[in-house]
Amino acid sequence: MLLYIVRHGEPDYDHDTLTPLGFEQAEALAKKMKQSGITKVFSSPCGRAKHTAEPTCRELGLKMEVLDWLDEARNYDPDKGIVNKNGWPYNSPPEIMKTDEVVASGDKWYEAPAYSDFIGAKYRWDEVSECSDKLLERLGFRREGRNYRVIAPNDEKVAVFCHEGMSLVWLPQLLAIPPSLFWTSFEMTHSGVTVLCFCGGEGDLTAPTCLVHSDMSHLYKEGIKMKYSNGQVL
């Protein structure tokens, strides 16, 4: 199985949709997704993600399934009424995230004193992990520790349209990479496509591998410029 994790196109955050450039990016992306042979489409409930996914669904005749847990704004603990007002730790500067103490904490990064102010972040981290495991098992791969047991091998090509923040939380969980290292080393471009491969036969233990990260080839093919978040044009 190939899992395509896609960031939405250039957003109009005020109206939770896409800018004119973002809609161009979504159309260009749909051609790539059609060529790739996507078989399933999931999306965040946010308009900017759904509007990015819609051209792909149209091109392939697929129905989009919305998953609420993909919303990057869900950084809160509803049971305790705690909102993570400090945002997500991946926005922290590298001098905080790449200390020996934080790196050594691994997937228990939230126990490091540097993250003590990020109230509610652990709840969200756990929620993404739990929901991810349910989705992957539904797709044929059951988590066992840092790996996955193949329970239903398949050749599906699954596209998940979401957000940079969501991807930065999800990808280190899927790849079993210390999040503090991932957060300071990787970012996601608008409409960028990251592809993970889940392989193996029934009963095998497998670890997903990243084949492509934040691919923008569909934009270059259509002659569309990509403006990065810091203003640089790639």
C-alpha atoms as a PDB file:
ATOM      1  CA  MET A   1       0.000   0.000   0.000  1.00  0.00           C
ATOM      2  CA  LEU A   2       1.107   3.533  -0.716  1.00  0.00           C
ATOM      3  CA  LEU A   3      -0.059   6.281   1.633  1.00  0.00           C
ATOM      4  CA  TYR A   4      -0.073   9.782   0.113  1.00  0.00           C
ATOM      5  CA  ILE A   5      -0.146  12.536   2.748  1.00  0.00           C
ATOM      6  CA  VAL A   6      -0.995  15.834   1.047  1.00  0.00           C
ATOM      7  CA  ARG A   7      -0.899  19.360   2.400  1.00  0.00           C
ATOM      8  CA  HIS A   8      -3.660  21.656   1.150  1.00  0.00           C
ATOM      9  CA  GLY A   9      -2.994  24.267  -1.529  1.00  0.00           C
ATOM     10  CA  GLU A  10      -2.171  27.888  -0.750  1.00  0.00           C
ATOM     11  CA  PRO A  11      -4.835  28.825   1.823  1.00  0.00           C
ATOM     12  CA  ASP A  12      -7.197  31.690   2.418  1.00  0.00           C
ATOM     13  CA  TYR A  13      -7.272  31.159   6.175  1.00  0.00           C
ATOM     14  CA  ASP A  14      -9.808  33.927   6.807  1.00  0.00           C
ATOM     15  CA  HIS A  15     -12.445  32.090   4.757  1.00  0.00           C
ATOM     16  CA  ASP A  16     -11.096  28.537   5.241  1.00  0.00           C
ATOM     17  CA  THR A  17     -10.720  27.949   1.547  1.00  0.00           C
ATOM     18  CA  LEU A  18      -7.975  28.338  -1.078  1.00  0.00           C
ATOM     19  CA  THR A  19      -6.552  31.371  -2.812  1.00  0.00           C
ATOM     20  CA  PRO A  20      -6.794  31.494  -6.633  1.00  0.00           C
ATOM     21  CA  LEU A  21      -3.251  30.081  -6.695  1.00  0.00           C
ATOM     22  CA  GLY A  22      -4.328  27.371  -4.260  1.00  0.00           C
ATOM     23  CA  PHE A  23      -7.139  26.274  -6.589  1.00  0.00           C
ATOM     24  CA  GLU A  24      -4.634  26.119  -9.479  1.00  0.00           C
ATOM     25  CA  GLN A  25      -2.396  23.945  -7.339  1.00  0.00           C
ATOM     26  CA  ALA A  26      -5.314  21.637  -6.509  1.00  0.00           C
ATOM     27  CA  GLU A  27      -6.175  21.186 -10.193  1.00  0.00           C
ATOM     28  CA  ALA A  28      -2.551  20.429 -11.065  1.00  0.00           C
ATOM     29  CA  LEU A  29      -2.388  17.986  -8.163  1.00  0.00           C
ATOM     30  CA  ALA A  30      -5.518  16.179  -9.389  1.00  0.00           C
ATOM     31  CA  LYS A  31      -3.756  15.316 -12.657  1.00  0.00           C
ATOM     32  CA  LYS A  32      -0.878  13.825 -10.696  1.00  0.00           C
ATOM     33  CA  MET A  33      -3.217  11.867  -8.418  1.00  0.00           C
ATOM     34  CA  LYS A  34      -5.086  10.494 -11.433  1.00  0.00           C
ATOM     35  CA  GLN A  35      -1.822   9.388 -13.008  1.00  0.00           C
ATOM     36  CA  SER A  36      -0.800   7.784  -9.714  1.00  0.00           C
ATOM     37  CA  GLY A  37      -4.029   5.781  -9.615  1.00  0.00           C
ATOM     38  CA  ILE A  38      -5.323   6.849  -6.212  1.00  0.00           C
ATOM     39  CA  THR A  39      -7.989   4.428  -4.960  1.00  0.00           C
ATOM     40  CA  LYS A  40      -9.190   6.079  -1.709  1.00  0.00           C
ATOM     41  CA  VAL A  41      -9.460   9.698  -0.571  1.00  0.00           C
ATOM     42  CA  PHE A  42      -9.645  10.966   3.012  1.00  0.00           C
ATOM     43  CA  SER A  43      -9.707  14.594   4.079  1.00  0.00           C
ATOM     44  CA  SER A  44      -9.593  16.891   7.052  1.00  0.00           C
ATOM     45  CA  PRO A  45     -12.948  18.602   7.718  1.00  0.00           C
ATOM     46  CA  CYS A  46     -11.381  22.013   7.022  1.00  0.00           C
ATOM     47  CA  GLY A  47     -12.441  23.729   3.823  1.00  0.00           C
ATOM     48  CA  ARG A  48      -8.901  24.315   2.580  1.00  0.00           C
ATOM     49  CA  ALA A  49      -8.184  20.573   2.713  1.00  0.00           C
ATOM     50  CA  LYS A  50     -11.512  19.493   1.196  1.00  0.00           C
ATOM     51  CA  HIS A  51     -11.211  22.041  -1.608  1.00  0.00           C
ATOM     52  CA  THR A  52      -7.764  20.658  -2.393  1.00  0.00           C
ATOM     53  CA  ALA A  53      -9.132  17.103  -2.485  1.00  0.00           C
ATOM     54  CA  GLU A  54     -12.221  17.848  -4.584  1.00  0.00           C
ATOM     55  CA  PRO A  55     -10.500  17.995  -8.019  1.00  0.00           C
ATOM     56  CA  THR A  56      -8.807  14.650  -7.297  1.00  0.00           C
ATOM     57  CA  CYS A  57     -12.143  13.081  -6.380  1.00  0.00           C
ATOM     58  CA  ARG A  58     -13.701  14.513  -9.540  1.00  0.00           C
ATOM     59  CA  GLU A  59     -10.896  13.261 -11.802  1.00  0.00           C
ATOM     60  CA  LEU A  60     -10.977   9.754 -10.316  1.00  0.00           C
ATOM     61  CA  GLY A  61     -14.697   9.445  -9.590  1.00  0.00           C
ATOM     62  CA  LEU A  62     -14.007   8.823  -5.913  1.00  0.00           C
ATOM     63  CA  LYS A  63     -15.959   9.826  -2.837  1.00  0.00           C
ATOM     64  CA  MET A  64     -14.124  11.762  -0.166  1.00  0.00           C
ATOM     65  CA  GLU A  65     -14.318  10.505   3.415  1.00  0.00           C
ATOM     66  CA  VAL A  66     -13.875  13.227   6.031  1.00  0.00           C
ATOM     67  CA  LEU A  67     -11.973  12.343   9.220  1.00  0.00           C
ATOM     68  CA  ASP A  68     -12.395  14.883  12.024  1.00  0.00           C
ATOM     69  CA  TRP A  69      -9.120  13.978  13.731  1.00  0.00           C
ATOM     70  CA  LEU A  70      -7.176  15.347  10.748  1.00  0.00           C
ATOM     71  CA  ASP A  71      -8.160  18.912  11.685  1.00  0.00           C
ATOM     72  CA  GLU A  72      -4.922  20.608  12.779  1.00  0.00           C
ATOM     73  CA  ALA A  73      -6.838  22.970  15.098  1.00  0.00           C
ATOM     74  CA  ARG A  74      -7.815  20.116  17.478  1.00  0.00           C
ATOM     75  CA  ASN A  75      -5.053  20.927  19.966  1.00  0.00           C
ATOM     76  CA  TYR A  76      -7.154  20.624  23.090  1.00  0.00           C
ATOM     77  CA  ASP A  77      -8.372  18.180  25.709  1.00  0.00           C
ATOM     78  CA  PRO A  78     -12.185  18.302  25.652  1.00  0.00           C
ATOM     79  CA  ASP A  79     -12.508  16.171  28.791  1.00  0.00           C
ATOM     80  CA  LYS A  80     -10.424  18.543  30.885  1.00  0.00           C
ATOM     81  CA  GLY A  81     -11.422  21.715  29.072  1.00  0.00           C
ATOM     82  CA  ILE A  82      -7.770  22.499  28.367  1.00  0.00           C
ATOM     83  CA  VAL A  83      -6.797  24.404  25.236  1.00  0.00           C
ATOM     84  CA  ASN A  84      -3.183  24.382  24.115  1.00  0.00           C
ATOM     85  CA  LYS A  85      -2.960  28.166  23.808  1.00  0.00           C
ATOM     86  CA  ASN A  86       0.783  28.080  23.175  1.00  0.00           C
ATOM     87  CA  GLY A  87       0.285  26.282  19.882  1.00  0.00           C
ATOM     88  CA  TRP A  88       2.115  23.132  18.891  1.00  0.00           C
ATOM     89  CA  PRO A  89       5.698  22.374  19.949  1.00  0.00           C
ATOM     90  CA  TYR A  90       6.793  21.999  16.302  1.00  0.00           C
ATOM     91  CA  ASN A  91       6.752  25.810  16.139  1.00  0.00           C
ATOM     92  CA  SER A  92       9.443  26.015  18.818  1.00  0.00           C
ATOM     93  CA  PRO A  93      12.904  27.274  17.779  1.00  0.00           C
ATOM     94  CA  PRO A  94      15.646  24.673  17.214  1.00  0.00           C
ATOM     95  CA  GLU A  95      17.582  25.829  20.275  1.00  0.00           C
ATOM     96  CA  ILE A  96      14.697  24.370  22.305  1.00  0.00           C
ATOM     97  CA  MET A  97      13.936  21.270  20.240  1.00  0.00           C
ATOM     98  CA  LYS A  98      17.440  20.043  19.407  1.00  0.00           C
ATOM     99  CA  THR A  99      18.843  19.979  22.904  1.00  0.00           C
ATOM    100  CA  ASP A 100      20.284  16.678  24.122  1.00  0.00           C
ATOM    101  CA  GLU A 101      17.573  16.488  26.781  1.00  0.00           C
ATOM    102  CA  VAL A 102      14.677  16.849  24.347  1.00  0.00           C
ATOM    103  CA  VAL A 103      16.169  14.507  21.749  1.00  0.00           C
ATOM    104  CA  ALA A 104      16.798  11.872  24.440  1.00  0.00           C
ATOM    105  CA  SER A 105      13.124  12.035  25.472  1.00  0.00           C
ATOM    106  CA  GLY A 106      12.161  10.499  22.093  1.00  0.00           C
ATOM    107  CA  ASP A 107       8.430   9.899  21.708  1.00  0.00           C
ATOM    108  CA  LYS A 108       7.927  11.103  25.284  1.00  0.00           C
ATOM    109  CA  TRP A 109       9.016  14.587  24.221  1.00  0.00           C
ATOM    110  CA  TYR A 110       6.134  16.058  26.243  1.00  0.00           C
ATOM    111  CA  GLU A 111       7.911  15.111  29.479  1.00  0.00           C
ATOM    112  CA  ALA A 112      10.868  17.380  28.715  1.00  0.00           C
ATOM    113  CA  PRO A 113      10.814  20.620  30.760  1.00  0.00           C
ATOM    114  CA  ALA A 114      11.175  22.624  27.541  1.00  0.00           C
ATOM    115  CA  TYR A 115       7.600  21.605  26.642  1.00  0.00           C
ATOM    116  CA  SER A 116       5.989  22.135  30.039  1.00  0.00           C
ATOM    117  CA  ASP A 117       4.026  25.169  28.790  1.00  0.00           C
ATOM    118  CA  PHE A 118       2.371  23.270  25.940  1.00  0.00           C
ATOM    119  CA  ILE A 119      -0.699  22.260  27.932  1.00  0.00           C
ATOM    120  CA  GLY A 120      -2.959  19.858  26.062  1.00  0.00           C
ATOM    121  CA  ALA A 121      -0.360  18.844  23.474  1.00  0.00           C
ATOM    122  CA  LYS A 122       0.034  15.324  24.874  1.00  0.00           C
ATOM    123  CA  TYR A 123      -3.708  14.745  24.569  1.00  0.00           C
ATOM    124  CA  ARG A 124      -3.598  15.694  20.907  1.00  0.00           C
ATOM    125  CA  TRP A 125      -0.480  13.600  20.305  1.00  0.00           C
ATOM    126  CA  ASP A 126      -2.226  10.584  21.817  1.00  0.00           C
ATOM    127  CA  GLU A 127      -5.412  11.258  19.851  1.00  0.00           C
ATOM    128  CA  VAL A 128      -3.550  11.346  16.546  1.00  0.00           C
ATOM    129  CA  SER A 129      -1.723   8.145  17.451  1.00  0.00           C
ATOM    130  CA  GLU A 130      -4.917   6.312  18.394  1.00  0.00           C
ATOM    131  CA  CYS A 131      -6.869   7.479  15.337  1.00  0.00           C
ATOM    132  CA  SER A 132      -3.947   6.755  13.031  1.00  0.00           C
ATOM    133  CA  ASP A 133      -3.703   3.197  14.356  1.00  0.00           C
ATOM    134  CA  LYS A 134      -7.423   2.659  13.718  1.00  0.00           C
ATOM    135  CA  LEU A 135      -7.151   3.964  10.163  1.00  0.00           C
ATOM    136  CA  LEU A 136      -4.065   1.896   9.354  1.00  0.00           C
ATOM    137  CA  GLU A 137      -5.650  -1.272  10.757  1.00  0.00           C
ATOM    138  CA  ARG A 138      -8.713  -0.572   8.652  1.00  0.00           C
ATOM    139  CA  LEU A 139      -6.366  -0.350   5.668  1.00  0.00           C
ATOM    140  CA  GLY A 140      -4.687  -3.660   6.520  1.00  0.00           C
ATOM    141  CA  PHE A 141      -1.814  -2.799   8.864  1.00  0.00           C
ATOM    142  CA  ARG A 142      -1.995  -3.269  12.649  1.00  0.00           C
ATOM    143  CA  ARG A 143       0.503  -1.418  14.835  1.00  0.00           C
ATOM    144  CA  GLU A 144       2.867  -3.500  16.953  1.00  0.00           C
ATOM    145  CA  GLY A 145       5.213  -1.248  18.886  1.00  0.00           C
ATOM    146  CA  ARG A 146       7.121   0.857  16.366  1.00  0.00           C
ATOM    147  CA  ASN A 147       6.196  -1.415  13.450  1.00  0.00           C
ATOM    148  CA  TYR A 148       3.060  -2.749  11.759  1.00  0.00           C
ATOM    149  CA  ARG A 149       1.778  -6.289  11.282  1.00  0.00           C
ATOM    150  CA  VAL A 150       0.410  -6.893   7.784  1.00  0.00           C
ATOM    151  CA  ILE A 151      -3.093  -8.292   8.257  1.00  0.00           C
ATOM    152  CA  ALA A 152      -4.454  -7.611   4.766  1.00  0.00           C
ATOM    153  CA  PRO A 153      -1.752  -6.930   2.135  1.00  0.00           C
ATOM    154  CA  ASN A 154      -2.992  -4.753  -0.695  1.00  0.00           C
ATOM    155  CA  ASP A 155      -2.024  -2.489  -3.571  1.00  0.00           C
ATOM    156  CA  GLU A 156      -4.250   0.421  -2.515  1.00  0.00           C
ATOM    157  CA  LYS A 157      -3.078   3.982  -3.102  1.00  0.00           C
ATOM    158  CA  VAL A 158      -4.594   6.080  -0.344  1.00  0.00           C
ATOM    159  CA  ALA A 159      -4.543   9.884  -0.387  1.00  0.00           C
ATOM    160  CA  VAL A 160      -5.046  11.849   2.841  1.00  0.00           C
ATOM    161  CA  PHE A 161      -5.534  15.596   2.418  1.00  0.00           C
ATOM    162  CA  CYS A 162      -4.697  17.578   5.531  1.00  0.00           C
ATOM    163  CA  HIS A 163      -2.325  20.250   6.842  1.00  0.00           C
ATOM    164  CA  GLU A 164       1.308  20.960   7.549  1.00  0.00           C
ATOM    165  CA  GLY A 165       0.735  20.953  11.307  1.00  0.00           C
ATOM    166  CA  MET A 166      -1.189  17.700  11.135  1.00  0.00           C
ATOM    167  CA  SER A 167       1.474  16.094   8.932  1.00  0.00           C
ATOM    168  CA  LEU A 168       4.284  17.169  11.264  1.00  0.00           C
ATOM    169  CA  VAL A 169       2.507  15.425  14.145  1.00  0.00           C
ATOM    170  CA  TRP A 170       1.513  12.330  12.170  1.00  0.00           C
ATOM    171  CA  LEU A 171       4.635  11.538  10.158  1.00  0.00           C
ATOM    172  CA  PRO A 172       7.049  11.023  13.073  1.00  0.00           C
ATOM    173  CA  GLN A 173       4.461   8.718  14.622  1.00  0.00           C
ATOM    174  CA  LEU A 174       4.146   6.658  11.442  1.00  0.00           C
ATOM    175  CA  LEU A 175       7.897   6.518  10.871  1.00  0.00           C
ATOM    176  CA  ALA A 176       8.873   6.139  14.550  1.00  0.00           C
ATOM    177  CA  ILE A 177      11.207   9.139  14.335  1.00  0.00           C
ATOM    178  CA  PRO A 178      11.877  11.354  17.404  1.00  0.00           C
ATOM    179  CA  PRO A 179       9.457  14.232  16.790  1.00  0.00           C
ATOM    180  CA  SER A 180      11.833  16.956  17.972  1.00  0.00           C
ATOM    181  CA  LEU A 181      14.265  16.005  15.203  1.00  0.00           C
ATOM    182  CA  PHE A 182      11.516  15.749  12.610  1.00  0.00           C
ATOM    183  CA  TRP A 183       9.997  19.120  13.544  1.00  0.00           C
ATOM    184  CA  THR A 184      13.271  20.981  13.047  1.00  0.00           C
ATOM    185  CA  SER A 185      14.246  19.178   9.842  1.00  0.00           C
ATOM    186  CA  PHE A 186      11.136  18.876   7.648  1.00  0.00           C
ATOM    187  CA  GLU A 187       8.375  21.145   6.432  1.00  0.00           C
ATOM    188  CA  MET A 188       5.513  20.746   3.944  1.00  0.00           C
ATOM    189  CA  THR A 189       4.922  22.871   0.854  1.00  0.00           C
ATOM    190  CA  HIS A 190       1.443  23.856  -0.350  1.00  0.00           C
ATOM    191  CA  SER A 191      -0.068  20.879  -2.211  1.00  0.00           C
ATOM    192  CA  GLY A 192       3.147  18.970  -1.496  1.00  0.00           C
ATOM    193  CA  VAL A 193       2.820  15.169  -1.572  1.00  0.00           C
ATOM    194  CA  THR A 194       4.590  12.820   0.840  1.00  0.00           C
ATOM    195  CA  VAL A 195       4.448   9.110   0.009  1.00  0.00           C
ATOM    196  CA  LEU A 196       4.928   6.268   2.480  1.00  0.00           C
ATOM    197  CA  CYS A 197       5.185   2.627   1.447  1.00  0.00           C
ATOM    198  CA  PHE A 198       3.664  -0.159   3.559  1.00  0.00           C
ATOM    199  CA  CYS A 199       4.786  -3.476   2.110  1.00  0.00           C
ATOM    200  CA  GLY A 200       5.003  -7.153   3.009  1.00  0.00           C
ATOM    201  CA  GLY A 201       2.906 -10.275   2.863  1.00  0.00           C
ATOM    202  CA  GLU A 202       0.182 -11.374   5.239  1.00  0.00           C
ATOM    203  CA  GLY A 203       1.556 -11.880   8.734  1.00  0.00           C
ATOM    204  CA  ASP A 204       4.818 -10.038   8.035  1.00  0.00           C
ATOM    205  CA  LEU A 205       6.102  -7.268  10.267  1.00  0.00           C
ATOM    206  CA  THR A 206       6.749  -4.105   8.297  1.00  0.00           C
ATOM    207  CA  ALA A 207       7.959  -0.567   8.875  1.00  0.00           C
ATOM    208  CA  PRO A 208       6.716   2.157   6.519  1.00  0.00           C
ATOM    209  CA  THR A 209       9.367   3.931   4.479  1.00  0.00           C
ATOM    210  CA  CYS A 210       9.220   7.434   3.012  1.00  0.00           C
ATOM    211  CA  LEU A 211       9.624   7.315  -0.759  1.00  0.00           C
ATOM    212  CA  VAL A 212       8.959  11.014  -1.434  1.00  0.00           C
ATOM    213  CA  HIS A 213       8.622  14.060   0.819  1.00  0.00           C
ATOM    214  CA  SER A 214       6.590  17.163  -0.107  1.00  0.00           C
ATOM    215  CA  ASP A 215       6.824  16.505  -3.851  1.00  0.00           C
ATOM    216  CA  MET A 216       5.861  19.481  -6.046  1.00  0.00           C
ATOM    217  CA  SER A 217       6.493  18.021  -9.485  1.00  0.00           C
ATOM    218  CA  HIS A 218       2.833  18.588 -10.457  1.00  0.00           C
ATOM    219  CA  LEU A 219       3.334  22.332 -10.052  1.00  0.00           C
ATOM    220  CA  TYR A 220       6.448  22.436 -12.202  1.00  0.00           C
ATOM    221  CA  LYS A 221       4.728  20.352 -14.860  1.00  0.00           C
ATOM    222  CA  GLU A 222       1.898  22.891 -15.110  1.00  0.00           C
ATOM    223  CA  GLY A 223       4.210  25.897 -14.887  1.00  0.00           C
ATOM    224  CA  ILE A 224       2.845  26.984 -11.502  1.00  0.00           C
ATOM    225  CA  LYS A 225       5.191  28.787  -9.147  1.00  0.00           C
ATOM    226  CA  MET A 226       5.438  27.622  -5.579  1.00  0.00           C
ATOM    227  CA  LYS A 227       5.750  30.363  -2.973  1.00  0.00           C
ATOM    228  CA  TYR A 228       7.140  29.001   0.263  1.00  0.00           C
ATOM    229  CA  SER A 229       5.959  30.171   3.682  1.00  0.00           C
ATOM    230  CA  ASN A 230       8.997  32.439   4.163  1.00  0.00           C
ATOM    231  CA  GLY A 231       8.265  34.213   0.860  1.00  0.00           C
ATOM    232  CA  GLN A 232      10.817  32.359  -1.243  1.00  0.00           C
ATOM    233  CA  VAL A 233       9.698  31.166  -4.663  1.00  0.00           C
ATOM    234  CA  LEU A 234      10.829  27.607  -5.337  1.00  0.00           C
END
